[in-house]
Amino acid sequence: MNIIANPAEQASLKSLNQIQECINNKNSFRLEAGAGAGKTYSLIESLKYIIKNKSAELADKRVACITYT
């Protein structure tokens, strides 16, 4: 049993789960947060999830990641 006691880790896990749900349902999503909130981490983890779980399904597709500061 995994117990995540840190509230920041809980929020991060919840966000990643919501992003993965969007990916699984083929929905676009936008991630907005302040500096140091983990946007880059979430983006990288999402791309890793896509590569691991959706490569065959998306073989002839492209993924767009648009960022700005």
PDB file of N, CA and C in Angstrom:
ATOM      1  N   MET A   1       0.848  -1.184   0.000  1.00  0.00           N
ATOM      2  CA  MET A   1       0.000   0.000   0.000  1.00  0.00           C
ATOM      3  C   MET A   1       0.882   1.231   0.000  1.00  0.00           C
ATOM      4  N   ASN A   2       0.682   2.108  -0.973  1.00  0.00           N
ATOM      5  CA  ASN A   2       1.424   3.357  -1.042  1.00  0.00           C
ATOM      6  C   ASN A   2       0.673   4.448  -0.307  1.00  0.00           C
ATOM      7  N   ILE A   3       1.338   5.091   0.621  1.00  0.00           N
ATOM      8  CA  ILE A   3       0.745   6.217   1.330  1.00  0.00           C
ATOM      9  C   ILE A   3       1.556   7.451   0.985  1.00  0.00           C
ATOM     10  N   ILE A   4       0.888   8.446   0.425  1.00  0.00           N
ATOM     11  CA  ILE A   4       1.548   9.701   0.090  1.00  0.00           C
ATOM     12  C   ILE A   4       1.103  10.722   1.124  1.00  0.00           C
ATOM     13  N   ALA A   5       2.012  11.072   2.030  1.00  0.00           N
ATOM     14  CA  ALA A   5       1.664  11.960   3.126  1.00  0.00           C
ATOM     15  C   ALA A   5       1.820  13.427   2.752  1.00  0.00           C
ATOM     16  N   ASN A   6       2.713  13.722   1.825  1.00  0.00           N
ATOM     17  CA  ASN A   6       3.008  15.092   1.451  1.00  0.00           C
ATOM     18  C   ASN A   6       1.865  15.660   0.602  1.00  0.00           C
ATOM     19  N   PRO A   7       1.245  16.769   1.032  1.00  0.00           N
ATOM     20  CA  PRO A   7       0.144  17.355   0.251  1.00  0.00           C
ATOM     21  C   PRO A   7       0.554  17.742  -1.173  1.00  0.00           C
ATOM     22  N   ALA A   8       1.786  18.189  -1.356  1.00  0.00           N
ATOM     23  CA  ALA A   8       2.259  18.550  -2.697  1.00  0.00           C
ATOM     24  C   ALA A   8       2.320  17.314  -3.592  1.00  0.00           C
ATOM     25  N   GLU A   9       2.764  16.190  -3.044  1.00  0.00           N
ATOM     26  CA  GLU A   9       2.808  14.946  -3.813  1.00  0.00           C
ATOM     27  C   GLU A   9       1.404  14.466  -4.147  1.00  0.00           C
ATOM     28  N   GLN A  10       0.473  14.625  -3.216  1.00  0.00           N
ATOM     29  CA  GLN A  10      -0.914  14.247  -3.472  1.00  0.00           C
ATOM     30  C   GLN A  10      -1.497  15.083  -4.609  1.00  0.00           C
ATOM     31  N   ALA A  11      -1.237  16.390  -4.585  1.00  0.00           N
ATOM     32  CA  ALA A  11      -1.736  17.281  -5.637  1.00  0.00           C
ATOM     33  C   ALA A  11      -1.116  16.928  -6.979  1.00  0.00           C
ATOM     34  N   SER A  12       0.176  16.612  -6.978  1.00  0.00           N
ATOM     35  CA  SER A  12       0.865  16.239  -8.206  1.00  0.00           C
ATOM     36  C   SER A  12       0.278  14.962  -8.788  1.00  0.00           C
ATOM     37  N   LEU A  13       0.059  13.978  -7.957  1.00  0.00           N
ATOM     38  CA  LEU A  13      -0.517  12.706  -8.405  1.00  0.00           C
ATOM     39  C   LEU A  13      -1.925  12.913  -8.958  1.00  0.00           C
ATOM     40  N   LYS A  14      -2.713  13.739  -8.282  1.00  0.00           N
ATOM     41  CA  LYS A  14      -4.068  14.027  -8.755  1.00  0.00           C
ATOM     42  C   LYS A  14      -4.022  14.694 -10.130  1.00  0.00           C
ATOM     43  N   SER A  15      -3.123  15.658 -10.290  1.00  0.00           N
ATOM     44  CA  SER A  15      -2.987  16.351 -11.578  1.00  0.00           C
ATOM     45  C   SER A  15      -2.565  15.389 -12.680  1.00  0.00           C
ATOM     46  N   LEU A  16      -1.574  14.552 -12.398  1.00  0.00           N
ATOM     47  CA  LEU A  16      -1.118  13.585 -13.402  1.00  0.00           C
ATOM     48  C   LEU A  16      -2.233  12.617 -13.783  1.00  0.00           C
ATOM     49  N   ASN A  17      -3.017  12.196 -12.815  1.00  0.00           N
ATOM     50  CA  ASN A  17      -4.143  11.299 -13.110  1.00  0.00           C
ATOM     51  C   ASN A  17      -5.169  11.985 -14.009  1.00  0.00           C
ATOM     52  N   GLN A  18      -5.421  13.276 -13.754  1.00  0.00           N
ATOM     53  CA  GLN A  18      -6.369  14.019 -14.587  1.00  0.00           C
ATOM     54  C   GLN A  18      -5.832  14.184 -16.006  1.00  0.00           C
ATOM     55  N   ILE A  19      -4.539  14.446 -16.128  1.00  0.00           N
ATOM     56  CA  ILE A  19      -3.920  14.574 -17.451  1.00  0.00           C
ATOM     57  C   ILE A  19      -4.000  13.243 -18.192  1.00  0.00           C
ATOM     58  N   GLN A  20      -3.680  12.152 -17.503  1.00  0.00           N
ATOM     59  CA  GLN A  20      -3.740  10.835 -18.136  1.00  0.00           C
ATOM     60  C   GLN A  20      -5.160  10.492 -18.571  1.00  0.00           C
ATOM     61  N   GLU A  21      -6.143  10.919 -17.805  1.00  0.00           N
ATOM     62  CA  GLU A  21      -7.538  10.703 -18.190  1.00  0.00           C
ATOM     63  C   GLU A  21      -7.851  11.457 -19.486  1.00  0.00           C
ATOM     64  N   CYS A  22      -7.364  12.689 -19.592  1.00  0.00           N
ATOM     65  CA  CYS A  22      -7.544  13.455 -20.838  1.00  0.00           C
ATOM     66  C   CYS A  22      -6.877  12.737 -22.004  1.00  0.00           C
ATOM     67  N   ILE A  23      -5.665  12.254 -21.787  1.00  0.00           N
ATOM     68  CA  ILE A  23      -4.939  11.539 -22.843  1.00  0.00           C
ATOM     69  C   ILE A  23      -5.716  10.298 -23.263  1.00  0.00           C
ATOM     70  N   ASN A  24      -6.178   9.529 -22.292  1.00  0.00           N
ATOM     71  CA  ASN A  24      -6.913   8.294 -22.594  1.00  0.00           C
ATOM     72  C   ASN A  24      -8.218   8.563 -23.337  1.00  0.00           C
ATOM     73  N   ASN A  25      -8.839   9.707 -23.055  1.00  0.00           N
ATOM     74  CA  ASN A  25     -10.104  10.062 -23.698  1.00  0.00           C
ATOM     75  C   ASN A  25      -9.904  10.916 -24.950  1.00  0.00           C
ATOM     76  N   LYS A  26      -8.638  11.090 -25.336  1.00  0.00           N
ATOM     77  CA  LYS A  26      -8.281  11.875 -26.527  1.00  0.00           C
ATOM     78  C   LYS A  26      -8.770  13.314 -26.440  1.00  0.00           C
ATOM     79  N   ASN A  27      -8.690  13.881 -25.240  1.00  0.00           N
ATOM     80  CA  ASN A  27      -9.071  15.266 -25.015  1.00  0.00           C
ATOM     81  C   ASN A  27      -7.835  16.145 -24.905  1.00  0.00           C
ATOM     82  N   SER A  28      -7.950  17.350 -25.394  1.00  0.00           N
ATOM     83  CA  SER A  28      -6.890  18.333 -25.187  1.00  0.00           C
ATOM     84  C   SER A  28      -6.962  18.816 -23.741  1.00  0.00           C
ATOM     85  N   PHE A  29      -5.857  19.364 -23.265  1.00  0.00           N
ATOM     86  CA  PHE A  29      -5.875  19.945 -21.926  1.00  0.00           C
ATOM     87  C   PHE A  29      -4.893  21.098 -21.865  1.00  0.00           C
ATOM     88  N   ARG A  30      -5.109  21.972 -20.914  1.00  0.00           N
ATOM     89  CA  ARG A  30      -4.221  23.105 -20.679  1.00  0.00           C
ATOM     90  C   ARG A  30      -3.801  23.046 -19.223  1.00  0.00           C
ATOM     91  N   LEU A  31      -2.535  23.277 -18.990  1.00  0.00           N
ATOM     92  CA  LEU A  31      -1.987  23.240 -17.639  1.00  0.00           C
ATOM     93  C   LEU A  31      -1.486  24.629 -17.290  1.00  0.00           C
ATOM     94  N   GLU A  32      -2.125  25.249 -16.327  1.00  0.00           N
ATOM     95  CA  GLU A  32      -1.720  26.577 -15.879  1.00  0.00           C
ATOM     96  C   GLU A  32      -1.350  26.501 -14.407  1.00  0.00           C
ATOM     97  N   ALA A  33      -0.217  27.090 -14.065  1.00  0.00           N
ATOM     98  CA  ALA A  33       0.216  27.115 -12.668  1.00  0.00           C
ATOM     99  C   ALA A  33       1.335  28.131 -12.528  1.00  0.00           C
ATOM    100  N   GLY A  34       1.606  28.506 -11.317  1.00  0.00           N
ATOM    101  CA  GLY A  34       2.658  29.472 -11.036  1.00  0.00           C
ATOM    102  C   GLY A  34       4.045  28.863 -11.161  1.00  0.00           C
ATOM    103  N   ALA A  35       5.028  29.735 -11.024  1.00  0.00           N
ATOM    104  CA  ALA A  35       6.430  29.311 -11.106  1.00  0.00           C
ATOM    105  C   ALA A  35       6.736  28.265 -10.038  1.00  0.00           C
ATOM    106  N   GLY A  36       7.447  27.228 -10.451  1.00  0.00           N
ATOM    107  CA  GLY A  36       7.871  26.197  -9.507  1.00  0.00           C
ATOM    108  C   GLY A  36       6.785  25.210  -9.117  1.00  0.00           C
ATOM    109  N   ALA A  37       5.657  25.254  -9.802  1.00  0.00           N
ATOM    110  CA  ALA A  37       4.532  24.385  -9.443  1.00  0.00           C
ATOM    111  C   ALA A  37       4.636  22.984 -10.034  1.00  0.00           C
ATOM    112  N   GLY A  38       5.555  22.786 -10.986  1.00  0.00           N
ATOM    113  CA  GLY A  38       5.740  21.458 -11.553  1.00  0.00           C
ATOM    114  C   GLY A  38       5.170  21.275 -12.947  1.00  0.00           C
ATOM    115  N   LYS A  39       5.011  22.355 -13.678  1.00  0.00           N
ATOM    116  CA  LYS A  39       4.465  22.252 -15.041  1.00  0.00           C
ATOM    117  C   LYS A  39       5.374  21.434 -15.953  1.00  0.00           C
ATOM    118  N   THR A  40       6.670  21.710 -15.924  1.00  0.00           N
ATOM    119  CA  THR A  40       7.614  20.968 -16.766  1.00  0.00           C
ATOM    120  C   THR A  40       7.624  19.498 -16.375  1.00  0.00           C
ATOM    121  N   TYR A  41       7.608  19.215 -15.090  1.00  0.00           N
ATOM    122  CA  TYR A  41       7.552  17.835 -14.604  1.00  0.00           C
ATOM    123  C   TYR A  41       6.301  17.140 -15.143  1.00  0.00           C
ATOM    124  N   SER A  42       5.159  17.811 -15.050  1.00  0.00           N
ATOM    125  CA  SER A  42       3.909  17.225 -15.537  1.00  0.00           C
ATOM    126  C   SER A  42       3.959  16.974 -17.035  1.00  0.00           C
ATOM    127  N   LEU A  43       4.544  17.904 -17.775  1.00  0.00           N
ATOM    128  CA  LEU A  43       4.664  17.746 -19.225  1.00  0.00           C
ATOM    129  C   LEU A  43       5.529  16.536 -19.562  1.00  0.00           C
ATOM    130  N   ILE A  44       6.672  16.424 -18.923  1.00  0.00           N
ATOM    131  CA  ILE A  44       7.585  15.304 -19.183  1.00  0.00           C
ATOM    132  C   ILE A  44       6.932  13.975 -18.802  1.00  0.00           C
ATOM    133  N   GLU A  45       6.294  13.927 -17.646  1.00  0.00           N
ATOM    134  CA  GLU A  45       5.631  12.692 -17.220  1.00  0.00           C
ATOM    135  C   GLU A  45       4.499  12.317 -18.177  1.00  0.00           C
ATOM    136  N   SER A  46       3.790  13.317 -18.683  1.00  0.00           N
ATOM    137  CA  SER A  46       2.710  13.057 -19.638  1.00  0.00           C
ATOM    138  C   SER A  46       3.252  12.501 -20.944  1.00  0.00           C
ATOM    139  N   LEU A  47       4.348  13.064 -21.420  1.00  0.00           N
ATOM    140  CA  LEU A  47       4.963  12.558 -22.647  1.00  0.00           C
ATOM    141  C   LEU A  47       5.483  11.137 -22.451  1.00  0.00           C
ATOM    142  N   LYS A  48       6.062  10.860 -21.291  1.00  0.00           N
ATOM    143  CA  LYS A  48       6.520   9.499 -21.000  1.00  0.00           C
ATOM    144  C   LYS A  48       5.336   8.528 -20.979  1.00  0.00           C
ATOM    145  N   TYR A  49       4.214   8.966 -20.424  1.00  0.00           N
ATOM    146  CA  TYR A  49       3.004   8.142 -20.390  1.00  0.00           C
ATOM    147  C   TYR A  49       2.523   7.843 -21.809  1.00  0.00           C
ATOM    148  N   ILE A  50       2.517   8.869 -22.657  1.00  0.00           N
ATOM    149  CA  ILE A  50       2.084   8.686 -24.047  1.00  0.00           C
ATOM    150  C   ILE A  50       2.999   7.704 -24.764  1.00  0.00           C
ATOM    151  N   ILE A  51       4.303   7.874 -24.604  1.00  0.00           N
ATOM    152  CA  ILE A  51       5.264   6.988 -25.267  1.00  0.00           C
ATOM    153  C   ILE A  51       5.083   5.546 -24.792  1.00  0.00           C
ATOM    154  N   LYS A  52       4.908   5.369 -23.492  1.00  0.00           N
ATOM    155  CA  LYS A  52       4.794   4.025 -22.927  1.00  0.00           C
ATOM    156  C   LYS A  52       3.459   3.359 -23.268  1.00  0.00           C
ATOM    157  N   ASN A  53       2.369   4.119 -23.226  1.00  0.00           N
ATOM    158  CA  ASN A  53       1.043   3.515 -23.306  1.00  0.00           C
ATOM    159  C   ASN A  53       0.284   3.752 -24.608  1.00  0.00           C
ATOM    160  N   LYS A  54       0.726   4.693 -25.409  1.00  0.00           N
ATOM    161  CA  LYS A  54      -0.050   5.059 -26.593  1.00  0.00           C
ATOM    162  C   LYS A  54       0.761   5.024 -27.879  1.00  0.00           C
ATOM    163  N   SER A  55       1.975   4.527 -27.849  1.00  0.00           N
ATOM    164  CA  SER A  55       2.846   4.547 -29.034  1.00  0.00           C
ATOM    165  C   SER A  55       2.208   3.872 -30.238  1.00  0.00           C
ATOM    166  N   ALA A  56       1.677   2.685 -30.072  1.00  0.00           N
ATOM    167  CA  ALA A  56       1.090   1.960 -31.204  1.00  0.00           C
ATOM    168  C   ALA A  56      -0.129   2.699 -31.749  1.00  0.00           C
ATOM    169  N   GLU A  57      -0.947   3.193 -30.854  1.00  0.00           N
ATOM    170  CA  GLU A  57      -2.171   3.901 -31.245  1.00  0.00           C
ATOM    171  C   GLU A  57      -1.864   5.222 -31.963  1.00  0.00           C
ATOM    172  N   LEU A  58      -0.772   5.851 -31.587  1.00  0.00           N
ATOM    173  CA  LEU A  58      -0.424   7.165 -32.134  1.00  0.00           C
ATOM    174  C   LEU A  58       0.750   7.107 -33.105  1.00  0.00           C
ATOM    175  N   ALA A  59       0.996   5.948 -33.678  1.00  0.00           N
ATOM    176  CA  ALA A  59       2.185   5.753 -34.521  1.00  0.00           C
ATOM    177  C   ALA A  59       2.281   6.753 -35.661  1.00  0.00           C
ATOM    178  N   ASP A  60       1.176   7.118 -36.265  1.00  0.00           N
ATOM    179  CA  ASP A  60       1.222   8.055 -37.391  1.00  0.00           C
ATOM    180  C   ASP A  60       0.700   9.443 -37.008  1.00  0.00           C
ATOM    181  N   LYS A  61       0.672   9.728 -35.727  1.00  0.00           N
ATOM    182  CA  LYS A  61       0.154  10.999 -35.218  1.00  0.00           C
ATOM    183  C   LYS A  61       1.292  11.845 -34.649  1.00  0.00           C
ATOM    184  N   ARG A  62       0.958  13.080 -34.342  1.00  0.00           N
ATOM    185  CA  ARG A  62       1.913  13.989 -33.712  1.00  0.00           C
ATOM    186  C   ARG A  62       1.310  14.529 -32.425  1.00  0.00           C
ATOM    187  N   VAL A  63       2.173  14.855 -31.502  1.00  0.00           N
ATOM    188  CA  VAL A  63       1.759  15.458 -30.243  1.00  0.00           C
ATOM    189  C   VAL A  63       2.314  16.874 -30.222  1.00  0.00           C
ATOM    190  N   ALA A  64       1.470  17.846 -29.947  1.00  0.00           N
ATOM    191  CA  ALA A  64       1.915  19.242 -29.873  1.00  0.00           C
ATOM    192  C   ALA A  64       2.023  19.663 -28.416  1.00  0.00           C
ATOM    193  N   CYS A  65       3.157  20.224 -28.072  1.00  0.00           N
ATOM    194  CA  CYS A  65       3.375  20.801 -26.747  1.00  0.00           C
ATOM    195  C   CYS A  65       3.735  22.264 -26.961  1.00  0.00           C
ATOM    196  N   ILE A  66       2.877  23.142 -26.541  1.00  0.00           N
ATOM    197  CA  ILE A  66       3.102  24.570 -26.724  1.00  0.00           C
ATOM    198  C   ILE A  66       3.297  25.189 -25.352  1.00  0.00           C
ATOM    199  N   THR A  67       4.444  25.821 -25.168  1.00  0.00           N
ATOM    200  CA  THR A  67       4.731  26.454 -23.885  1.00  0.00           C
ATOM    201  C   THR A  67       5.131  27.905 -24.112  1.00  0.00           C
ATOM    202  N   TYR A  68       4.918  28.704 -23.114  1.00  0.00           N
ATOM    203  CA  TYR A  68       5.394  30.083 -23.156  1.00  0.00           C
ATOM    204  C   TYR A  68       5.576  30.575 -21.731  1.00  0.00           C
ATOM    205  N   THR A  69       6.398  31.596 -21.592  1.00  0.00           N
ATOM    206  CA  THR A  69       6.645  32.171 -20.269  1.00  0.00           C
ATOM    207  C   THR A  69       6.332  33.642 -20.274  1.00  0.00           C
TER     208      THR A  69
END
